């Protein structure tokens, strides 16, 4: 079990790096776009759709991090309001419910991505290079898989192993 927790900790470090990198890049690219519009009355055509997809990636990766630290669903409120003796069973129930919902959403998102690739849809163009919709939206099933993974591992994580998100 300890090996699983260590592997998850490495995964969490990678998720944090992705979120920080995306947010930094979004700030820099947004500032660049504003400067180009103010100074040259122009901008980079493909930058706005790229930024929208970067927001999607950062948000969904952040939701996976929230699942790791059990800060994701309002089900926790019911657990906190219940008698102390019911906290652990309700925690497990909430985690299993979350994992099941994540599994169903993963399946639906995977079918969506499969259809995006099959249709050959283009999310946006960078000059003459078309970024396929499937690649731009691949984070959707990945995020639901990570949410489910973090939630299931969280069932076995001792309460003293919890530390804050940063």
Protein backbone atom coordinates (compact mmCIF):
# COMPACT_ATOMS: atom_id res chain seq x y z
CA UNK A 1 0.00 0.00 0.00
CA UNK A 2 2.85 2.36 0.82
CA UNK A 3 4.19 1.94 -2.72
CA UNK A 4 0.77 2.90 -4.10
CA UNK A 5 0.70 6.04 -1.93
CA UNK A 6 4.21 6.99 -3.08
CA UNK A 7 3.22 6.50 -6.73
CA UNK A 8 0.14 8.64 -6.17
CA UNK A 9 2.28 11.33 -4.55
CA UNK A 10 4.46 11.41 -7.68
CA UNK A 11 1.35 11.64 -9.83
CA UNK A 12 0.09 14.53 -7.69
CA UNK A 13 3.42 16.34 -8.14
CA UNK A 14 3.03 15.96 -11.91
CA UNK A 15 -0.57 17.22 -11.76
CA UNK A 16 0.53 20.25 -9.74
CA UNK A 17 3.28 20.97 -12.26
CA UNK A 18 0.78 20.77 -15.12
CA UNK A 19 -1.63 23.17 -13.39
CA UNK A 20 1.11 25.65 -12.49
CA UNK A 21 2.65 25.46 -15.98
CA UNK A 22 -0.71 25.95 -17.68
CA UNK A 23 -1.67 28.89 -15.48
CA UNK A 24 1.72 30.54 -16.02
CA UNK A 25 1.47 30.02 -19.79
CA UNK A 26 -2.10 31.33 -19.85
CA UNK A 27 -1.11 34.51 -18.01
CA UNK A 28 1.87 35.13 -20.30
CA UNK A 29 -0.02 34.36 -23.51
CA UNK A 30 -3.05 36.41 -22.47
CA UNK A 31 -0.81 39.36 -21.64
CA UNK A 32 0.92 38.98 -25.01
CA UNK A 33 -2.44 38.94 -26.78
CA UNK A 34 -3.57 42.10 -24.96
CA UNK A 35 -0.30 43.87 -25.80
CA UNK A 36 -0.59 42.91 -29.47
CA UNK A 37 -4.15 44.20 -29.59
CA UNK A 38 -3.31 47.48 -27.85
CA UNK A 39 -0.05 48.23 -29.65
CA UNK A 40 -0.65 46.76 -33.10
CA UNK A 41 -4.47 46.52 -33.25
CA UNK A 42 -3.96 42.89 -34.08
CA UNK A 43 -3.45 39.61 -32.31
CA UNK A 44 -2.64 35.98 -32.82
CA UNK A 45 -5.73 34.40 -34.36
CA UNK A 46 -5.29 30.93 -32.89
CA UNK A 47 -4.32 32.10 -29.40
CA UNK A 48 -7.86 32.58 -28.06
CA UNK A 49 -9.03 29.02 -28.82
CA UNK A 50 -5.73 27.69 -27.47
CA UNK A 51 -6.26 29.62 -24.24
CA UNK A 52 -9.81 28.24 -23.94
CA UNK A 53 -8.47 24.70 -24.20
CA UNK A 54 -5.72 25.50 -21.70
CA UNK A 55 -8.41 26.65 -19.24
CA UNK A 56 -10.17 23.31 -19.77
CA UNK A 57 -6.95 21.40 -19.11
CA UNK A 58 -6.05 23.45 -16.01
CA UNK A 59 -9.57 23.21 -14.58
CA UNK A 60 -9.94 19.48 -15.05
CA UNK A 61 -6.44 18.76 -13.77
CA UNK A 62 -7.28 20.93 -10.76
CA UNK A 63 -10.43 18.89 -10.20
CA UNK A 64 -8.31 15.74 -10.07
CA UNK A 65 -6.12 17.43 -7.44
CA UNK A 66 -9.24 18.38 -5.50
CA UNK A 67 -10.30 14.74 -5.54
CA UNK A 68 -6.90 13.74 -4.14
CA UNK A 69 -7.37 16.07 -1.18
CA UNK A 70 -11.07 15.21 -0.75
CA UNK A 71 -12.20 18.76 -1.48
CA UNK A 72 -14.46 17.90 -4.37
CA UNK A 73 -18.07 17.12 -3.58
CA UNK A 74 -20.74 18.38 -1.24
CA UNK A 75 -21.24 14.81 0.00
CA UNK A 76 -18.71 15.68 2.69
CA UNK A 77 -21.27 17.99 4.26
CA UNK A 78 -23.58 15.07 4.99
CA UNK A 79 -20.68 13.16 6.53
CA UNK A 80 -19.77 16.07 8.80
CA UNK A 81 -23.39 16.49 9.95
CA UNK A 82 -23.81 12.80 10.77
CA UNK A 83 -22.96 11.24 14.14
CA UNK A 84 -19.27 10.46 14.61
CA UNK A 85 -19.84 6.70 14.47
CA UNK A 86 -21.16 7.02 10.91
CA UNK A 87 -18.31 9.15 9.55
CA UNK A 88 -16.16 6.29 8.23
CA UNK A 89 -19.00 4.32 6.57
CA UNK A 90 -20.33 7.52 5.01
CA UNK A 91 -16.83 8.48 3.84
CA UNK A 92 -16.49 5.10 2.13
CA UNK A 93 -19.98 5.37 0.62
CA UNK A 94 -19.25 8.89 -0.69
CA UNK A 95 -15.94 7.71 -2.16
CA UNK A 96 -17.54 4.70 -3.85
CA UNK A 97 -20.33 6.90 -5.21
CA UNK A 98 -17.75 9.37 -6.53
CA UNK A 99 -15.67 6.58 -8.08
CA UNK A 100 -18.75 5.08 -9.76
CA UNK A 101 -19.82 8.47 -11.13
CA UNK A 102 -16.26 9.09 -12.34
CA UNK A 103 -16.24 5.70 -14.02
CA UNK A 104 -19.46 6.42 -15.88
CA UNK A 105 -18.27 9.88 -16.89
CA UNK A 106 -14.92 8.42 -17.99
CA UNK A 107 -16.74 5.96 -20.24
CA UNK A 108 -18.90 8.69 -21.77
CA UNK A 109 -15.89 10.98 -22.24
CA UNK A 110 -13.87 8.17 -23.81
CA UNK A 111 -16.66 7.52 -26.33
CA UNK A 112 -16.77 11.26 -27.05
CA UNK A 113 -13.01 11.40 -27.69
CA UNK A 114 -13.18 8.27 -29.86
CA UNK A 115 -15.93 9.92 -31.93
CA UNK A 116 -13.92 13.18 -32.16
CA UNK A 117 -10.96 11.29 -33.61
CA UNK A 118 -13.22 9.26 -35.93
CA UNK A 119 -14.88 12.43 -37.21
CA UNK A 120 -11.51 14.11 -37.74
CA UNK A 121 -12.77 17.33 -36.17
CA UNK A 122 -10.35 20.22 -35.78
CA UNK A 123 -10.41 22.20 -32.53
CA UNK A 124 -8.39 25.10 -33.93
CA UNK A 125 -5.67 25.90 -36.44
CA UNK A 126 -2.18 27.16 -35.70
CA UNK A 127 -1.33 28.64 -39.08
CA UNK A 128 -1.82 25.64 -41.40
CA UNK A 129 -1.55 23.02 -38.69
CA UNK A 130 -4.93 21.77 -37.47
CA UNK A 131 -5.08 20.61 -33.85
CA UNK A 132 -7.50 17.71 -33.77
CA UNK A 133 -10.42 18.03 -31.40
CA UNK A 134 -9.61 14.66 -29.84
CA UNK A 135 -6.16 15.81 -28.74
CA UNK A 136 -7.41 19.15 -27.46
CA UNK A 137 -10.13 17.48 -25.37
CA UNK A 138 -8.26 14.36 -24.27
CA UNK A 139 -8.04 15.77 -20.74
CA UNK A 140 -11.74 15.04 -20.19
CA UNK A 141 -11.47 11.24 -19.86
CA UNK A 142 -8.03 11.56 -18.27
CA UNK A 143 -9.43 13.84 -15.55
CA UNK A 144 -12.31 11.49 -14.76
CA UNK A 145 -9.89 8.55 -14.58
CA UNK A 146 -7.65 10.53 -12.20
CA UNK A 147 -10.62 11.58 -10.06
CA UNK A 148 -11.71 7.95 -9.78
CA UNK A 149 -8.17 6.79 -9.03
CA UNK A 150 -7.55 9.40 -6.33
CA UNK A 151 -10.93 8.68 -4.78
CA UNK A 152 -10.42 4.92 -4.61
CA UNK A 153 -6.91 5.30 -3.20
CA UNK A 154 -8.32 7.79 -0.69
CA UNK A 155 -10.50 5.06 0.80
CA UNK A 156 -7.35 3.30 2.00
CA UNK A 157 -5.34 6.39 2.90
CA UNK A 158 -4.97 6.88 6.65
CA UNK A 159 -6.34 10.21 7.88
CA UNK A 160 -2.89 11.27 9.19
CA UNK A 161 -1.49 10.95 5.62
CA UNK A 162 -3.50 13.98 4.56
CA UNK A 163 -1.67 17.18 3.85
CA UNK A 164 -2.91 20.30 2.14
CA UNK A 165 -2.88 20.73 -1.61
CA UNK A 166 0.24 22.94 -1.66
